[in-house]
Amino acid sequence: MPYQSIADLPEALVQGYDEMQRRAFLDAYNRAYEKYSHDEATALASAHQAAQKARKKPEEYRKGTMAKNRAMHQPH
């Protein structure tokens, strides 16, 4: 099921992630959950990958660069 806020994320899933990574996890999980017909395993994998990327490039996430890039690569 999609999560409404960071507070809704189960601690076991996001343990060790900082606030920025948790936001990346939430955003990626919800997008993947919808995109892949509610496949929770795929959504979780996508979310963890996004959180790891947010750790590696925090300045991009902070500035919203990742969101802008994602929007540019969406099919119209």
Protein backbone atom coordinates (compact mmCIF):
# COMPACT_ATOMS: atom_id res chain seq x y z
CA MET A 1 0.00 0.00 0.00
CA PRO A 2 1.23 3.54 -0.62
CA TYR A 3 2.49 5.55 2.34
CA GLN A 4 1.14 9.04 3.01
CA SER A 5 4.07 10.43 4.98
CA ILE A 6 7.52 9.58 6.29
CA ALA A 7 5.94 8.93 9.69
CA ASP A 8 3.91 6.10 8.12
CA LEU A 9 7.00 4.18 6.98
CA PRO A 10 7.74 1.10 9.10
CA GLU A 11 10.92 1.74 11.08
CA ALA A 12 12.25 -1.68 10.11
CA LEU A 13 12.29 -0.61 6.44
CA VAL A 14 14.03 2.73 6.91
CA GLN A 15 16.24 2.05 9.91
CA GLY A 16 19.57 3.77 9.40
CA TYR A 17 18.29 6.21 6.77
CA ASP A 18 18.47 9.93 7.42
CA GLU A 19 15.54 12.27 6.74
CA MET A 20 16.53 12.90 3.13
CA GLN A 21 16.86 9.19 2.42
CA ARG A 22 13.49 8.51 4.04
CA ARG A 23 11.87 11.10 1.77
CA ALA A 24 13.56 9.50 -1.26
CA PHE A 25 12.34 6.08 -0.06
CA LEU A 26 8.77 7.33 0.35
CA ASP A 27 8.65 9.02 -3.05
CA ALA A 28 10.20 6.09 -4.90
CA TYR A 29 8.07 3.49 -3.14
CA ASN A 30 4.81 5.26 -3.97
CA ARG A 31 5.77 5.83 -7.61
CA ALA A 32 6.91 2.24 -8.13
CA TYR A 33 3.89 0.82 -6.31
CA GLU A 34 1.59 2.52 -8.80
CA LYS A 35 3.80 1.96 -11.84
CA TYR A 36 4.21 -1.78 -11.24
CA SER A 37 0.58 -2.63 -10.50
CA HIS A 38 0.91 -2.66 -6.72
CA ASP A 39 3.89 -5.06 -6.72
CA GLU A 40 5.21 -4.45 -3.22
CA ALA A 41 8.50 -6.32 -3.71
CA THR A 42 9.41 -4.21 -6.74
CA ALA A 43 8.34 -1.02 -4.96
CA LEU A 44 10.54 -1.87 -1.97
CA ALA A 45 13.55 -2.61 -4.18
CA SER A 46 13.08 0.67 -6.02
CA ALA A 47 12.66 2.58 -2.76
CA HIS A 48 15.82 1.16 -1.19
CA GLN A 49 17.78 1.96 -4.34
CA ALA A 50 16.52 5.56 -4.27
CA ALA A 51 17.47 5.90 -0.60
CA GLN A 52 20.99 4.67 -1.34
CA LYS A 53 21.33 7.17 -4.20
CA ALA A 54 20.14 9.96 -1.90
CA ARG A 55 22.98 9.04 0.48
CA LYS A 56 25.54 9.31 -2.31
CA LYS A 57 24.25 12.59 -3.75
CA PRO A 58 22.57 14.55 -0.95
CA GLU A 59 23.23 17.95 -2.53
CA GLU A 60 21.22 16.97 -5.62
CA TYR A 61 18.28 15.73 -3.59
CA ARG A 62 18.35 18.79 -1.38
CA LYS A 63 18.16 21.10 -4.39
CA GLY A 64 15.42 19.09 -6.06
CA THR A 65 17.68 18.17 -8.98
CA MET A 66 16.64 14.54 -8.91
CA ALA A 67 12.95 15.45 -9.07
CA LYS A 68 13.59 17.82 -11.97
CA ASN A 69 15.64 15.21 -13.84
CA ARG A 70 12.97 12.60 -13.25
CA ALA A 71 10.31 14.91 -14.70
CA MET A 72 12.45 15.57 -17.76
CA HIS A 73 12.78 11.85 -18.49
CA GLN A 74 9.09 11.00 -18.19
CA PRO A 75 7.41 10.05 -21.48
CA HIS A 76 4.86 12.64 -22.59
